[in-house]
Amino acid sequence: MLILSIINFLIVAFLGYLIGRWADNYLNIWLKDPTWAPHHWIYGLILMIIGVFGFAQYTALGDLLFPLKEIAEQSQAALIGNITLNQNLANLVNVINNLGLWIFSFGLGLFISDLKDFLDFKFFSPDGKTKETRRFWHID
């Protein structure tokens, strides 16, 4: 079961990497290298944070991620005030909890595909590369 979980983690992370590279090589060219769009490492970081909070729901007292579980539960309790919001939010929380590790691994792949821009602290600036200078299989 552990081997299958590791394989699933790597496959989902690779899928995130592929989508990140596709966005950098094809979507940016199609959108004419926009200045308003954030770099996709930001989306990967957001997904990794959501995934960690989702995965933290399976921790027990004394685990490293247990404080995140308490923060998530307190935030959930603060948001659940309206009965109609209660069911929708509870459904969303269940989905995030069940898919937490996959969301994290997808975000990790997306983050890695744009690691160079993260290290250069690029947030909204276009890459300025032409179609000929873009490479698909590398970390940008």
N, C-alpha and C. Protein backbone atom coordinates (compact mmCIF):
# COMPACT_ATOMS: atom_id res chain seq x y z
N MET A 1 0.82 -1.19 0.00
CA MET A 1 0.00 0.00 0.00
C MET A 1 0.87 1.27 0.00
N LEU A 2 1.98 1.22 0.74
CA LEU A 2 2.88 2.36 0.78
C LEU A 2 3.52 2.60 -0.59
N ILE A 3 3.91 1.53 -1.26
CA ILE A 3 4.52 1.65 -2.59
C ILE A 3 3.52 2.28 -3.56
N LEU A 4 2.27 1.86 -3.50
CA LEU A 4 1.23 2.41 -4.37
C LEU A 4 1.02 3.90 -4.08
N SER A 5 1.04 4.27 -2.82
CA SER A 5 0.90 5.69 -2.46
C SER A 5 2.05 6.52 -2.99
N ILE A 6 3.25 6.00 -2.90
CA ILE A 6 4.42 6.72 -3.42
C ILE A 6 4.33 6.86 -4.94
N ILE A 7 3.93 5.80 -5.61
CA ILE A 7 3.78 5.86 -7.07
C ILE A 7 2.71 6.88 -7.46
N ASN A 8 1.58 6.87 -6.75
CA ASN A 8 0.52 7.85 -7.03
C ASN A 8 1.02 9.27 -6.79
N PHE A 9 1.78 9.48 -5.71
CA PHE A 9 2.33 10.80 -5.40
C PHE A 9 3.21 11.27 -6.55
N LEU A 10 4.10 10.40 -7.03
CA LEU A 10 5.01 10.78 -8.11
C LEU A 10 4.28 11.02 -9.43
N ILE A 11 3.26 10.23 -9.71
CA ILE A 11 2.50 10.43 -10.95
C ILE A 11 1.76 11.75 -10.93
N VAL A 12 1.12 12.07 -9.81
CA VAL A 12 0.38 13.33 -9.71
C VAL A 12 1.35 14.52 -9.75
N ALA A 13 2.51 14.39 -9.10
CA ALA A 13 3.51 15.46 -9.14
C ALA A 13 4.01 15.66 -10.58
N PHE A 14 4.24 14.56 -11.29
CA PHE A 14 4.68 14.67 -12.69
C PHE A 14 3.60 15.31 -13.55
N LEU A 15 2.34 15.01 -13.28
CA LEU A 15 1.24 15.64 -14.00
C LEU A 15 1.23 17.16 -13.75
N GLY A 16 1.47 17.55 -12.49
CA GLY A 16 1.58 18.98 -12.18
C GLY A 16 2.73 19.64 -12.92
N TYR A 17 3.87 18.92 -12.99
CA TYR A 17 5.03 19.44 -13.74
C TYR A 17 4.68 19.60 -15.22
N LEU A 18 4.02 18.59 -15.80
CA LEU A 18 3.65 18.67 -17.22
C LEU A 18 2.72 19.83 -17.50
N ILE A 19 1.74 20.03 -16.65
CA ILE A 19 0.80 21.14 -16.87
C ILE A 19 1.52 22.48 -16.71
N GLY A 20 2.43 22.56 -15.76
CA GLY A 20 3.21 23.79 -15.60
C GLY A 20 4.07 24.09 -16.81
N ARG A 21 4.72 23.07 -17.35
CA ARG A 21 5.56 23.27 -18.54
C ARG A 21 4.70 23.61 -19.75
N TRP A 22 3.53 22.95 -19.87
CA TRP A 22 2.63 23.26 -20.98
C TRP A 22 2.17 24.72 -20.91
N ALA A 23 1.83 25.17 -19.69
CA ALA A 23 1.38 26.56 -19.54
C ALA A 23 2.50 27.53 -19.90
N ASP A 24 3.72 27.21 -19.51
CA ASP A 24 4.83 28.10 -19.80
C ASP A 24 5.17 28.12 -21.28
N ASN A 25 5.09 26.99 -21.95
CA ASN A 25 5.51 26.91 -23.34
C ASN A 25 4.41 27.21 -24.35
N TYR A 26 3.17 26.93 -24.01
CA TYR A 26 2.11 27.10 -25.00
C TYR A 26 1.06 28.13 -24.58
N LEU A 27 0.61 28.08 -23.35
CA LEU A 27 -0.42 29.02 -22.91
C LEU A 27 0.10 30.44 -22.87
N ASN A 28 1.34 30.63 -22.38
CA ASN A 28 1.90 31.98 -22.35
C ASN A 28 2.06 32.55 -23.76
N ILE A 29 2.44 31.73 -24.71
CA ILE A 29 2.58 32.21 -26.09
C ILE A 29 1.21 32.54 -26.66
N TRP A 30 0.22 31.70 -26.37
CA TRP A 30 -1.13 31.95 -26.85
C TRP A 30 -1.70 33.25 -26.27
N LEU A 31 -1.37 33.53 -24.99
CA LEU A 31 -1.83 34.77 -24.34
C LEU A 31 -0.90 35.95 -24.59
N LYS A 32 0.14 35.75 -25.39
CA LYS A 32 1.13 36.78 -25.74
C LYS A 32 1.92 37.25 -24.53
N ASP A 33 2.37 36.29 -23.70
CA ASP A 33 3.22 36.54 -22.53
C ASP A 33 2.68 37.69 -21.67
N PRO A 34 1.54 37.48 -21.02
CA PRO A 34 0.86 38.58 -20.31
C PRO A 34 1.65 39.08 -19.09
N THR A 35 1.53 40.37 -18.83
CA THR A 35 2.17 40.96 -17.65
C THR A 35 1.27 40.86 -16.43
N TRP A 36 0.00 40.60 -16.62
CA TRP A 36 -0.96 40.56 -15.53
C TRP A 36 -1.06 39.19 -14.87
N ALA A 37 -0.61 38.15 -15.54
CA ALA A 37 -0.77 36.79 -15.01
C ALA A 37 0.40 36.45 -14.08
N PRO A 38 0.10 35.92 -12.90
CA PRO A 38 1.20 35.52 -12.02
C PRO A 38 1.90 34.27 -12.55
N HIS A 39 3.14 34.13 -12.15
CA HIS A 39 3.89 32.93 -12.53
C HIS A 39 3.24 31.71 -11.88
N HIS A 40 3.34 30.56 -12.53
CA HIS A 40 2.60 29.40 -12.03
C HIS A 40 3.23 28.76 -10.81
N TRP A 41 4.39 29.20 -10.36
CA TRP A 41 4.90 28.70 -9.09
C TRP A 41 4.02 29.18 -7.94
N ILE A 42 3.36 30.32 -8.13
CA ILE A 42 2.46 30.85 -7.10
C ILE A 42 1.26 29.92 -6.94
N TYR A 43 0.71 29.45 -8.06
CA TYR A 43 -0.41 28.50 -7.99
C TYR A 43 0.04 27.20 -7.32
N GLY A 44 1.24 26.75 -7.64
CA GLY A 44 1.77 25.54 -7.01
C GLY A 44 1.94 25.70 -5.52
N LEU A 45 2.43 26.86 -5.08
CA LEU A 45 2.60 27.10 -3.64
C LEU A 45 1.26 27.12 -2.92
N ILE A 46 0.25 27.73 -3.53
CA ILE A 46 -1.09 27.76 -2.93
C ILE A 46 -1.65 26.35 -2.81
N LEU A 47 -1.49 25.55 -3.85
CA LEU A 47 -1.97 24.17 -3.80
C LEU A 47 -1.21 23.35 -2.76
N MET A 48 0.08 23.59 -2.61
CA MET A 48 0.85 22.85 -1.60
C MET A 48 0.36 23.20 -0.20
N ILE A 49 0.05 24.47 0.05
CA ILE A 49 -0.45 24.88 1.37
C ILE A 49 -1.81 24.24 1.64
N ILE A 50 -2.70 24.27 0.65
CA ILE A 50 -4.01 23.63 0.81
C ILE A 50 -3.85 22.14 1.06
N GLY A 51 -2.95 21.51 0.32
CA GLY A 51 -2.71 20.08 0.49
C GLY A 51 -2.17 19.73 1.86
N VAL A 52 -1.27 20.56 2.40
CA VAL A 52 -0.73 20.31 3.74
C VAL A 52 -1.83 20.41 4.77
N PHE A 53 -2.69 21.40 4.66
CA PHE A 53 -3.80 21.52 5.61
C PHE A 53 -4.76 20.34 5.48
N GLY A 54 -4.99 19.88 4.26
CA GLY A 54 -5.85 18.72 4.07
C GLY A 54 -5.23 17.45 4.63
N PHE A 55 -3.94 17.27 4.37
CA PHE A 55 -3.26 16.08 4.86
C PHE A 55 -3.11 16.11 6.38
N ALA A 56 -3.05 17.30 6.96
CA ALA A 56 -2.89 17.44 8.41
C ALA A 56 -4.11 16.92 9.17
N GLN A 57 -5.24 16.77 8.50
CA GLN A 57 -6.44 16.29 9.18
C GLN A 57 -6.30 14.85 9.65
N TYR A 58 -5.33 14.13 9.11
CA TYR A 58 -5.12 12.74 9.50
C TYR A 58 -4.05 12.58 10.58
N THR A 59 -3.59 13.68 11.14
CA THR A 59 -2.55 13.60 12.16
C THR A 59 -3.16 13.41 13.54
N ALA A 60 -2.33 12.96 14.46
CA ALA A 60 -2.75 12.77 15.85
C ALA A 60 -1.91 13.67 16.75
N LEU A 61 -2.31 13.78 17.99
CA LEU A 61 -1.60 14.60 18.96
C LEU A 61 -0.15 14.15 19.05
N GLY A 62 0.76 15.12 18.93
CA GLY A 62 2.18 14.81 18.97
C GLY A 62 2.84 14.76 17.61
N ASP A 63 2.05 14.67 16.54
CA ASP A 63 2.61 14.66 15.19
C ASP A 63 3.06 16.06 14.80
N LEU A 64 3.93 16.11 13.82
CA LEU A 64 4.50 17.38 13.37
C LEU A 64 3.43 18.33 12.82
N LEU A 65 2.46 17.79 12.10
CA LEU A 65 1.43 18.62 11.46
C LEU A 65 0.19 18.83 12.33
N PHE A 66 0.20 18.34 13.58
CA PHE A 66 -0.98 18.46 14.43
C PHE A 66 -1.40 19.91 14.68
N PRO A 67 -0.47 20.86 14.88
CA PRO A 67 -0.92 22.26 15.04
C PRO A 67 -1.69 22.79 13.83
N LEU A 68 -1.33 22.33 12.63
CA LEU A 68 -2.09 22.75 11.45
C LEU A 68 -3.50 22.19 11.47
N LYS A 69 -3.65 21.00 12.02
CA LYS A 69 -4.98 20.41 12.14
C LYS A 69 -5.85 21.26 13.06
N GLU A 70 -5.27 21.72 14.17
CA GLU A 70 -6.02 22.58 15.09
C GLU A 70 -6.40 23.90 14.44
N ILE A 71 -5.48 24.49 13.69
CA ILE A 71 -5.77 25.76 13.00
C ILE A 71 -6.89 25.56 11.99
N ALA A 72 -6.82 24.46 11.23
CA ALA A 72 -7.86 24.19 10.23
C ALA A 72 -9.21 23.97 10.89
N GLU A 73 -9.23 23.25 12.01
CA GLU A 73 -10.50 23.00 12.70
C GLU A 73 -11.08 24.28 13.28
N GLN A 74 -10.22 25.15 13.82
CA GLN A 74 -10.70 26.42 14.36
C GLN A 74 -11.22 27.33 13.25
N SER A 75 -10.53 27.35 12.12
CA SER A 75 -10.99 28.15 10.99
C SER A 75 -12.31 27.63 10.45
N GLN A 76 -12.42 26.32 10.38
CA GLN A 76 -13.65 25.71 9.90
C GLN A 76 -14.81 26.04 10.84
N ALA A 77 -14.57 25.99 12.15
CA ALA A 77 -15.62 26.30 13.12
C ALA A 77 -16.03 27.77 13.03
N ALA A 78 -15.07 28.66 12.76
CA ALA A 78 -15.39 30.08 12.64
C ALA A 78 -16.19 30.37 11.38
N LEU A 79 -15.92 29.64 10.32
CA LEU A 79 -16.62 29.89 9.06
C LEU A 79 -18.02 29.28 9.03
N ILE A 80 -18.22 28.23 9.81
CA ILE A 80 -19.52 27.56 9.78
C ILE A 80 -20.45 28.24 10.77
N GLY A 81 -21.21 29.17 10.25
CA GLY A 81 -22.18 29.86 11.07
C GLY A 81 -23.57 29.74 10.46
N ASN A 82 -23.61 29.78 9.18
CA ASN A 82 -24.86 29.70 8.44
C ASN A 82 -25.12 28.23 8.09
N ILE A 83 -26.35 27.79 8.23
CA ILE A 83 -26.67 26.37 8.01
C ILE A 83 -26.47 25.98 6.55
N THR A 84 -26.84 26.86 5.60
CA THR A 84 -26.65 26.51 4.19
C THR A 84 -25.17 26.49 3.84
N LEU A 85 -24.41 27.39 4.42
CA LEU A 85 -22.97 27.40 4.20
C LEU A 85 -22.34 26.17 4.85
N ASN A 86 -22.94 25.72 5.92
CA ASN A 86 -22.41 24.58 6.68
C ASN A 86 -22.25 23.34 5.81
N GLN A 87 -23.27 22.98 5.07
CA GLN A 87 -23.20 21.77 4.25
C GLN A 87 -22.21 21.92 3.09
N ASN A 88 -22.24 23.06 2.42
CA ASN A 88 -21.32 23.27 1.31
C ASN A 88 -19.87 23.27 1.79
N LEU A 89 -19.61 23.93 2.89
CA LEU A 89 -18.26 23.98 3.42
C LEU A 89 -17.82 22.63 3.94
N ALA A 90 -18.72 21.91 4.55
CA ALA A 90 -18.38 20.57 5.05
C ALA A 90 -18.03 19.64 3.89
N ASN A 91 -18.75 19.75 2.78
CA ASN A 91 -18.44 18.93 1.60
C ASN A 91 -17.07 19.29 1.03
N LEU A 92 -16.78 20.60 0.96
CA LEU A 92 -15.48 21.05 0.46
C LEU A 92 -14.35 20.58 1.37
N VAL A 93 -14.55 20.68 2.66
CA VAL A 93 -13.52 20.25 3.62
C VAL A 93 -13.27 18.75 3.50
N ASN A 94 -14.31 17.96 3.31
CA ASN A 94 -14.13 16.52 3.14
C ASN A 94 -13.33 16.19 1.88
N VAL A 95 -13.61 16.91 0.80
CA VAL A 95 -12.86 16.68 -0.44
C VAL A 95 -11.40 17.03 -0.25
N ILE A 96 -11.12 18.18 0.37
CA ILE A 96 -9.73 18.59 0.60
C ILE A 96 -9.02 17.61 1.52
N ASN A 97 -9.71 17.14 2.56
CA ASN A 97 -9.09 16.19 3.47
C ASN A 97 -8.75 14.89 2.77
N ASN A 98 -9.64 14.41 1.92
CA ASN A 98 -9.40 13.15 1.23
C ASN A 98 -8.33 13.26 0.15
N LEU A 99 -8.22 14.41 -0.47
CA LEU A 99 -7.28 14.59 -1.57
C LEU A 99 -6.06 15.41 -1.17
N GLY A 100 -5.84 15.62 0.11
CA GLY A 100 -4.77 16.50 0.58
C GLY A 100 -3.40 16.15 0.04
N LEU A 101 -3.04 14.89 0.07
CA LEU A 101 -1.72 14.49 -0.40
C LEU A 101 -1.61 14.66 -1.92
N TRP A 102 -2.67 14.37 -2.63
CA TRP A 102 -2.65 14.55 -4.10
C TRP A 102 -2.59 16.03 -4.47
N ILE A 103 -3.34 16.86 -3.74
CA ILE A 103 -3.30 18.30 -4.01
C ILE A 103 -1.89 18.83 -3.75
N PHE A 104 -1.27 18.37 -2.67
CA PHE A 104 0.09 18.78 -2.36
C PHE A 104 1.06 18.34 -3.46
N SER A 105 0.96 17.10 -3.90
CA SER A 105 1.91 16.60 -4.89
C SER A 105 1.71 17.29 -6.24
N PHE A 106 0.47 17.58 -6.63
CA PHE A 106 0.22 18.32 -7.87
C PHE A 106 0.81 19.72 -7.76
N GLY A 107 0.60 20.38 -6.63
CA GLY A 107 1.17 21.71 -6.43
C GLY A 107 2.69 21.68 -6.43
N LEU A 108 3.27 20.62 -5.88
CA LEU A 108 4.73 20.48 -5.88
C LEU A 108 5.27 20.37 -7.30
N GLY A 109 4.62 19.58 -8.13
CA GLY A 109 5.04 19.48 -9.53
C GLY A 109 4.92 20.80 -10.26
N LEU A 110 3.83 21.51 -10.02
CA LEU A 110 3.62 22.82 -10.64
C LEU A 110 4.68 23.81 -10.16
N PHE A 111 4.99 23.75 -8.89
CA PHE A 111 6.00 24.63 -8.30
C PHE A 111 7.39 24.34 -8.89
N ILE A 112 7.73 23.07 -9.00
CA ILE A 112 9.05 22.69 -9.53
C ILE A 112 9.20 23.09 -10.99
N SER A 113 8.11 23.04 -11.74
CA SER A 113 8.20 23.39 -13.16
C SER A 113 8.55 24.87 -13.37
N ASP A 114 8.37 25.69 -12.36
CA ASP A 114 8.67 27.12 -12.45
C ASP A 114 9.65 27.55 -11.36
N LEU A 115 10.49 26.63 -10.92
CA LEU A 115 11.38 26.87 -9.79
C LEU A 115 12.35 28.02 -10.04
N LYS A 116 12.87 28.14 -11.24
CA LYS A 116 13.83 29.20 -11.54
C LYS A 116 13.20 30.58 -11.34
N ASP A 117 11.95 30.74 -11.76
CA ASP A 117 11.27 32.03 -11.56
C ASP A 117 11.02 32.30 -10.08
N PHE A 118 10.78 31.25 -9.30
CA PHE A 118 10.64 31.42 -7.86
C PHE A 118 11.96 31.89 -7.25
N LEU A 119 13.06 31.27 -7.65
CA LEU A 119 14.37 31.63 -7.10
C LEU A 119 14.79 33.05 -7.52
N ASP A 120 14.28 33.50 -8.68
CA ASP A 120 14.54 34.88 -9.13
C ASP A 120 13.50 35.86 -8.61
N PHE A 121 12.57 35.41 -7.78
CA PHE A 121 11.49 36.22 -7.21
C PHE A 121 10.66 36.92 -8.27
N LYS A 122 10.34 36.19 -9.33
CA LYS A 122 9.45 36.72 -10.36
C LYS A 122 8.02 36.41 -9.97
N PHE A 123 7.20 37.43 -9.88
CA PHE A 123 5.81 37.25 -9.51
C PHE A 123 4.88 37.47 -10.70
N PHE A 124 5.01 38.62 -11.36
CA PHE A 124 4.09 38.96 -12.44
C PHE A 124 4.80 39.32 -13.74
N SER A 125 6.09 39.33 -13.76
CA SER A 125 6.81 39.77 -14.97
C SER A 125 6.79 38.67 -16.03
N PRO A 126 6.68 39.06 -17.30
CA PRO A 126 6.72 38.04 -18.37
C PRO A 126 8.14 37.49 -18.52
N ASP A 127 8.23 36.28 -19.03
CA ASP A 127 9.54 35.65 -19.23
C ASP A 127 10.33 36.31 -20.35
N GLY A 128 9.65 36.83 -21.34
CA GLY A 128 10.32 37.51 -22.44
C GLY A 128 11.05 36.57 -23.38
N LYS A 129 10.66 35.31 -23.39
CA LYS A 129 11.30 34.34 -24.28
C LYS A 129 10.47 34.19 -25.55
N THR A 130 11.16 33.93 -26.63
CA THR A 130 10.46 33.67 -27.88
C THR A 130 10.10 32.19 -27.94
N LYS A 131 9.30 31.84 -28.91
CA LYS A 131 8.89 30.45 -29.06
C LYS A 131 10.10 29.56 -29.36
N GLU A 132 11.08 30.08 -30.02
CA GLU A 132 12.26 29.30 -30.37
C GLU A 132 13.17 29.05 -29.16
N THR A 133 13.19 29.95 -28.20
CA THR A 133 14.10 29.79 -27.05
C THR A 133 13.47 29.02 -25.90
N ARG A 134 12.20 28.72 -25.97
CA ARG A 134 11.54 27.96 -24.90
C ARG A 134 11.85 26.48 -25.04
N ARG A 135 12.10 25.83 -23.90
CA ARG A 135 12.34 24.39 -23.88
C ARG A 135 11.31 23.76 -22.96
N PHE A 136 10.79 22.63 -23.37
CA PHE A 136 9.74 22.01 -22.58
C PHE A 136 10.29 21.24 -21.38
N TRP A 137 11.29 20.41 -21.58
CA TRP A 137 11.77 19.51 -20.51
C TRP A 137 12.91 20.14 -19.72
N HIS A 138 12.61 21.17 -18.98
CA HIS A 138 13.58 21.72 -18.04
C HIS A 138 12.83 22.51 -16.98
N ILE A 139 13.56 22.97 -15.99
CA ILE A 139 12.97 23.78 -14.92
C ILE A 139 13.21 25.22 -15.27
N ASP A 140 12.12 25.95 -15.40
CA ASP A 140 12.22 27.36 -15.77
C ASP A 140 11.94 28.23 -14.58
